Amino acid sequence: MKPLKALWRQKSLIKRWLPLSDPQWAKLNLLKILVQRDLEARYKGSVLGKLWPLLHQLAQLLIYTYVFGIVLQVRLNLESLPEDDSFVFGLWLFAGLLPWLAFSEGLQEASTAVIAQPNLVKKVVFPLTLLPLIPLLTSFIESTFGLMALITFVVLFTQKLHPTLLLLPLAWLPQLCLTAGLSFLTAGLTVFLRDIPQTLGVLLNLWFYATPLIYPATLIPQPFQAWVFWLNPMAAVGELYRDMILNGTVTHWSEWAVATAVSVLILLGGYWCYRKLRPAFADVL
């Protein structure tokens, strides 16, 4: 009985800090259940189960570390880590790739979230706002496996656990807002224009190489560096992950503020478009 009482107190405390209505709490509980089901369904029947997201992320790490750290001999100068070490570059690379993988995979799957569930759209009274959020949150939760592995590697390699890790939720804020806004937009548009997912794949590839994730931002020509950080929220998010996990100091507060503001605007705009398009979903599907 004691664990149940503790859980009830925790739930009451959350409700006190988040004054939502009963229907809103019901939607949150439904979203939680749907995300859990999506996570279970992805790896049902597989031998390795939920280890696959971690293995996928580690495979990406090994490929990019080999190409850039060993073949191209890219070296970094980080105050908190040894210089001229391929493993250091791998840690730095992994820290930047983690938010990008969660962002790109969640966005691509969210773009088809509505057309993949025509029965929910046409026959059932269902809160359609939740559909694009399910793959978004699933990909984000999967990325936490890689995050825990990265933190473990950093601690083993440096014998340090930076207190700035507690600030990671600040980096998640623009990341999740940006992903949610674009997910609403693409999921709504895909109902009417089925070329959106394929177009999105091409744009994400261009976006990836335009973001300083697999190469240092210092390699970008000086006149363009400011524009990259001010207009590309994922560039700021990647640098924040590196600041908080590897360096132990945050040097990109202004970039974080701009990235958060831009991401919130994209979230509001994407949700507004989704709501405008939502009444016609059933007719098209």
Protein backbone atom coordinates (compact mmCIF):
# COMPACT_ATOMS: atom_id res chain seq x y z
CA MET A 1 0.00 0.00 0.00
CA LYS A 2 2.87 2.41 0.70
CA PRO A 3 4.06 2.58 -2.94
CA LEU A 4 0.49 3.30 -4.04
CA LYS A 5 0.19 6.10 -1.50
CA ALA A 6 3.52 7.58 -2.61
CA LEU A 7 2.43 7.41 -6.25
CA TRP A 8 -0.85 9.13 -5.42
CA ARG A 9 0.97 11.92 -3.56
CA GLN A 10 3.32 12.38 -6.53
CA LYS A 11 0.36 12.55 -8.93
CA SER A 12 -1.39 15.10 -6.71
CA LEU A 13 1.77 17.21 -6.61
CA ILE A 14 2.06 17.16 -10.40
CA LYS A 15 -1.59 18.18 -10.73
CA ARG A 16 -0.97 21.05 -8.36
CA TRP A 17 1.93 22.36 -10.45
CA LEU A 18 0.16 21.69 -13.77
CA PRO A 19 -3.37 23.05 -13.37
CA LEU A 20 -4.95 21.21 -16.30
CA SER A 21 -8.59 20.33 -16.72
CA ASP A 22 -9.85 16.75 -16.38
CA PRO A 23 -10.22 16.30 -20.18
CA GLN A 24 -6.64 17.49 -20.64
CA TRP A 25 -5.39 15.03 -18.02
CA ALA A 26 -7.36 12.30 -19.77
CA LYS A 27 -5.60 13.15 -23.06
CA LEU A 28 -2.21 13.05 -21.35
CA ASN A 29 -2.97 9.63 -19.88
CA LEU A 30 -4.13 8.41 -23.30
CA LEU A 31 -0.96 9.76 -24.92
CA LYS A 32 1.13 7.94 -22.32
CA ILE A 33 -0.66 4.64 -23.03
CA LEU A 34 -0.32 5.05 -26.81
CA VAL A 35 3.42 5.81 -26.58
CA GLN A 36 3.93 2.74 -24.38
CA ARG A 37 2.04 0.59 -26.90
CA ASP A 38 4.08 2.03 -29.78
CA LEU A 39 7.35 1.23 -27.98
CA GLU A 40 6.21 -2.32 -27.28
CA ALA A 41 4.92 -2.89 -30.83
CA ARG A 42 8.15 -1.71 -32.50
CA TYR A 43 10.27 -4.53 -31.08
CA LYS A 44 7.67 -7.18 -30.33
CA GLY A 45 9.04 -10.60 -31.23
CA SER A 46 12.63 -9.42 -31.75
CA VAL A 47 15.40 -11.07 -29.76
CA LEU A 48 17.20 -7.88 -28.72
CA GLY A 49 14.00 -5.92 -28.13
CA LYS A 50 14.57 -2.38 -26.90
CA LEU A 51 18.33 -2.67 -27.34
CA TRP A 52 17.88 -1.98 -31.06
CA PRO A 53 17.64 1.84 -30.68
CA LEU A 54 20.92 1.85 -28.76
CA LEU A 55 22.61 -0.43 -31.31
CA HIS A 56 21.41 1.78 -34.15
CA GLN A 57 22.81 4.90 -32.50
CA LEU A 58 26.12 3.18 -31.67
CA ALA A 59 26.40 2.02 -35.31
CA GLN A 60 26.01 5.63 -36.47
CA LEU A 61 28.67 6.65 -33.95
CA LEU A 62 31.16 4.04 -35.20
CA ILE A 63 30.63 4.95 -38.86
CA TYR A 64 31.10 8.69 -38.42
CA THR A 65 33.98 8.25 -35.96
CA TYR A 66 35.79 6.03 -38.46
CA VAL A 67 35.23 8.39 -41.41
CA PHE A 68 35.96 11.70 -39.66
CA GLY A 69 38.13 10.70 -36.70
CA ILE A 70 40.33 8.02 -38.29
CA VAL A 71 40.24 8.49 -42.08
CA LEU A 72 39.99 12.30 -42.25
CA GLN A 73 41.89 12.81 -38.95
CA VAL A 74 39.57 15.53 -37.63
CA ARG A 75 40.78 16.64 -34.19
CA LEU A 76 39.14 18.75 -31.50
CA ASN A 77 40.43 20.97 -28.74
CA LEU A 78 38.08 20.60 -25.77
CA GLU A 79 39.12 21.91 -22.37
CA SER A 80 37.55 19.02 -20.44
CA LEU A 81 38.82 16.21 -22.71
CA PRO A 82 42.25 15.11 -24.00
CA GLU A 83 43.33 16.47 -27.36
CA ASP A 84 44.16 14.45 -30.50
CA ASP A 85 42.13 11.38 -29.59
CA SER A 86 39.73 9.62 -31.98
CA PHE A 87 37.63 8.43 -29.05
CA VAL A 88 37.21 12.03 -27.90
CA PHE A 89 35.93 12.93 -31.33
CA GLY A 90 33.52 9.97 -31.11
CA LEU A 91 32.08 11.26 -27.83
CA TRP A 92 31.76 14.76 -29.25
CA LEU A 93 30.11 13.39 -32.38
CA PHE A 94 27.69 11.17 -30.47
CA ALA A 95 26.59 14.10 -28.28
CA GLY A 96 25.60 16.08 -31.38
CA LEU A 97 23.99 13.15 -33.20
CA LEU A 98 21.67 12.15 -30.34
CA PRO A 99 19.22 15.07 -30.59
CA TRP A 100 19.36 14.97 -34.40
CA LEU A 101 18.46 11.27 -34.57
CA ALA A 102 15.51 11.78 -32.23
CA PHE A 103 14.40 14.83 -34.21
CA SER A 104 14.71 13.37 -37.72
CA GLU A 105 13.28 9.93 -36.95
CA GLY A 106 10.39 11.34 -34.95
CA LEU A 107 9.56 13.89 -37.65
CA GLN A 108 9.67 11.38 -40.51
CA GLU A 109 7.37 8.95 -38.71
CA ALA A 110 5.04 11.72 -37.55
CA SER A 111 4.57 12.92 -41.14
CA THR A 112 2.58 9.75 -41.91
CA ALA A 113 0.90 9.42 -38.51
CA VAL A 114 -2.54 10.58 -39.71
CA ILE A 115 -2.74 8.66 -42.99
CA ALA A 116 -1.56 5.51 -41.19
CA GLN A 117 -4.64 5.56 -38.92
CA PRO A 118 -7.66 6.14 -41.19
CA ASN A 119 -9.98 4.19 -38.87
CA LEU A 120 -9.24 6.49 -35.97
CA VAL A 121 -9.83 9.52 -38.19
CA LYS A 122 -13.11 8.38 -39.78
CA LYS A 123 -14.89 6.05 -37.39
CA VAL A 124 -13.84 6.79 -33.83
CA VAL A 125 -14.16 9.88 -31.63
CA PHE A 126 -10.43 10.26 -31.07
CA PRO A 127 -8.28 13.30 -30.17
CA LEU A 128 -6.45 13.59 -33.48
CA THR A 129 -3.99 16.07 -31.97
CA LEU A 130 -2.24 13.12 -30.31
CA LEU A 131 -1.41 11.24 -33.52
CA PRO A 132 1.72 13.23 -34.56
CA LEU A 133 2.94 13.31 -30.95
CA ILE A 134 3.11 9.53 -30.53
CA PRO A 135 6.09 8.81 -32.87
CA LEU A 136 7.74 12.04 -31.73
CA LEU A 137 7.77 10.97 -28.08
CA THR A 138 8.64 7.38 -28.95
CA SER A 139 11.78 8.48 -30.81
CA PHE A 140 12.68 10.87 -28.00
CA ILE A 141 12.38 8.12 -25.38
CA GLU A 142 14.47 5.78 -27.53
CA SER A 143 17.19 8.44 -27.70
CA THR A 144 17.51 8.32 -23.91
CA PHE A 145 19.14 4.87 -24.25
CA GLY A 146 21.94 6.46 -26.26
CA LEU A 147 22.07 9.39 -23.85
CA MET A 148 22.64 7.09 -20.89
CA ALA A 149 25.34 5.23 -22.84
CA LEU A 150 27.06 8.52 -23.73
CA ILE A 151 27.03 9.74 -20.12
CA THR A 152 28.47 6.39 -19.01
CA PHE A 153 31.30 6.62 -21.58
CA VAL A 154 32.10 10.20 -20.55
CA VAL A 155 32.24 9.27 -16.86
CA LEU A 156 34.47 6.25 -17.54
CA PHE A 157 36.78 8.26 -19.81
CA THR A 158 37.07 11.47 -17.77
CA GLN A 159 36.15 10.28 -14.26
CA LYS A 160 33.80 13.29 -14.10
CA LEU A 161 30.05 13.73 -13.91
CA HIS A 162 29.25 17.33 -14.80
CA PRO A 163 26.47 19.03 -12.81
CA THR A 164 25.37 20.71 -16.06
CA LEU A 165 23.61 17.42 -16.89
CA LEU A 166 20.78 18.75 -14.74
CA LEU A 167 20.26 21.47 -17.36
CA LEU A 168 19.54 19.01 -20.18
CA PRO A 169 15.76 19.63 -19.99
CA LEU A 170 16.52 23.16 -21.20
CA ALA A 171 18.02 21.66 -24.37
CA TRP A 172 15.01 19.36 -24.75
CA LEU A 173 12.62 22.30 -24.77
CA PRO A 174 13.54 23.74 -28.22
CA GLN A 175 14.16 20.22 -29.56
CA LEU A 176 10.67 18.97 -28.66
CA CYS A 177 8.91 22.21 -29.63
CA LEU A 178 10.59 22.24 -33.05
CA THR A 179 9.86 18.55 -33.67
CA ALA A 180 6.23 18.91 -32.55
CA GLY A 181 5.61 21.99 -34.69
CA LEU A 182 7.02 20.42 -37.85
CA SER A 183 5.27 17.13 -37.05
CA PHE A 184 1.88 18.85 -36.88
CA LEU A 185 2.58 20.69 -40.12
CA THR A 186 3.83 17.71 -42.13
CA ALA A 187 1.24 15.27 -40.73
CA GLY A 188 -1.58 17.61 -41.73
CA LEU A 189 -0.19 18.37 -45.19
CA THR A 190 0.54 14.70 -45.96
CA VAL A 191 -3.19 13.94 -45.86
CA PHE A 192 -3.65 16.17 -48.91
CA LEU A 193 -0.22 15.86 -50.56
CA ARG A 194 1.33 12.39 -50.30
CA ASP A 195 4.69 13.60 -51.59
CA ILE A 196 5.45 15.28 -48.27
CA PRO A 197 7.25 12.30 -46.59
CA GLN A 198 9.57 11.80 -49.59
CA THR A 199 10.26 15.52 -49.84
CA LEU A 200 10.90 15.62 -46.11
CA GLY A 201 13.54 12.89 -46.42
CA VAL A 202 15.46 14.96 -48.99
CA LEU A 203 15.18 18.15 -46.94
CA LEU A 204 16.36 16.40 -43.77
CA ASN A 205 19.46 15.17 -45.57
CA LEU A 206 20.28 18.72 -46.67
CA TRP A 207 19.46 20.04 -43.19
CA PHE A 208 21.75 17.45 -41.57
CA TYR A 209 24.84 18.53 -43.50
CA ALA A 210 23.97 22.20 -43.04
CA THR A 211 24.04 21.68 -39.27
CA PRO A 212 27.43 21.49 -37.46
CA LEU A 213 26.91 18.00 -36.05
CA ILE A 214 29.59 15.90 -37.74
CA TYR A 215 32.00 18.82 -38.12
CA PRO A 216 32.92 21.67 -35.73
CA ALA A 217 31.04 24.94 -36.11
CA THR A 218 34.39 26.71 -36.36
CA LEU A 219 34.80 25.24 -39.87
CA ILE A 220 31.83 27.31 -41.07
CA PRO A 221 32.99 30.61 -42.65
CA GLN A 222 32.82 33.34 -40.04
CA PRO A 223 30.19 35.51 -41.80
CA PHE A 224 27.76 32.55 -41.87
CA GLN A 225 28.28 31.14 -38.35
CA ALA A 226 25.86 33.54 -36.70
CA TRP A 227 23.20 32.88 -39.33
CA VAL A 228 23.52 29.10 -38.87
CA PHE A 229 22.96 29.36 -35.12
CA TRP A 230 20.23 31.99 -35.23
CA LEU A 231 18.16 30.35 -37.96
CA ASN A 232 18.82 26.66 -37.27
CA PRO A 233 17.55 25.57 -33.82
CA MET A 234 19.12 22.11 -34.15
CA ALA A 235 22.58 23.67 -34.39
CA ALA A 236 22.06 25.31 -31.00
CA VAL A 237 20.57 22.12 -29.52
CA GLY A 238 23.57 20.05 -30.64
CA GLU A 239 26.01 22.53 -29.10
CA LEU A 240 24.00 22.59 -25.87
CA TYR A 241 24.20 18.80 -25.59
CA ARG A 242 27.97 19.03 -25.98
CA ASP A 243 28.27 21.88 -23.49
CA MET A 244 26.22 20.11 -20.83
CA ILE A 245 27.53 16.56 -21.27
CA LEU A 246 31.17 17.02 -22.32
CA ASN A 247 32.35 20.49 -21.30
CA GLY A 248 30.53 21.06 -18.03
CA THR A 249 29.95 24.72 -18.96
CA VAL A 250 27.25 26.31 -21.10
CA THR A 251 28.52 28.91 -23.56
CA HIS A 252 25.54 29.09 -25.91
CA TRP A 253 22.83 30.74 -23.81
CA SER A 254 21.99 33.36 -26.42
CA GLU A 255 21.71 30.68 -29.11
CA TRP A 256 19.47 28.66 -26.77
CA ALA A 257 17.17 31.64 -26.22
CA VAL A 258 16.82 32.28 -29.96
CA ALA A 259 16.38 28.56 -30.73
CA THR A 260 13.66 28.29 -28.08
CA ALA A 261 11.81 31.35 -29.39
CA VAL A 262 11.99 30.11 -33.00
CA SER A 263 10.91 26.60 -31.98
CA VAL A 264 7.93 27.86 -30.01
CA LEU A 265 6.82 29.97 -32.99
CA ILE A 266 7.13 26.92 -35.26
CA LEU A 267 5.12 24.88 -32.76
CA LEU A 268 2.33 27.46 -32.67
CA GLY A 269 2.31 27.82 -36.45
CA GLY A 270 2.38 24.06 -37.09
CA TYR A 271 -0.41 23.40 -34.60
CA TRP A 272 -2.51 26.21 -36.09
CA CYS A 273 -2.16 24.69 -39.59
CA TYR A 274 -2.99 21.23 -38.25
CA ARG A 275 -6.17 22.47 -36.58
CA LYS A 276 -7.25 24.27 -39.75
CA LEU A 277 -6.74 21.14 -41.85
CA ARG A 278 -8.13 18.64 -39.32
CA PRO A 279 -11.88 18.97 -40.20
CA ALA A 280 -11.18 17.76 -43.75
CA PHE A 281 -9.12 14.69 -42.78
CA ALA A 282 -12.06 12.28 -42.77
CA ASP A 283 -13.30 13.45 -46.18
CA VAL A 284 -9.91 12.92 -47.85
CA LEU A 285 -9.05 9.61 -46.16
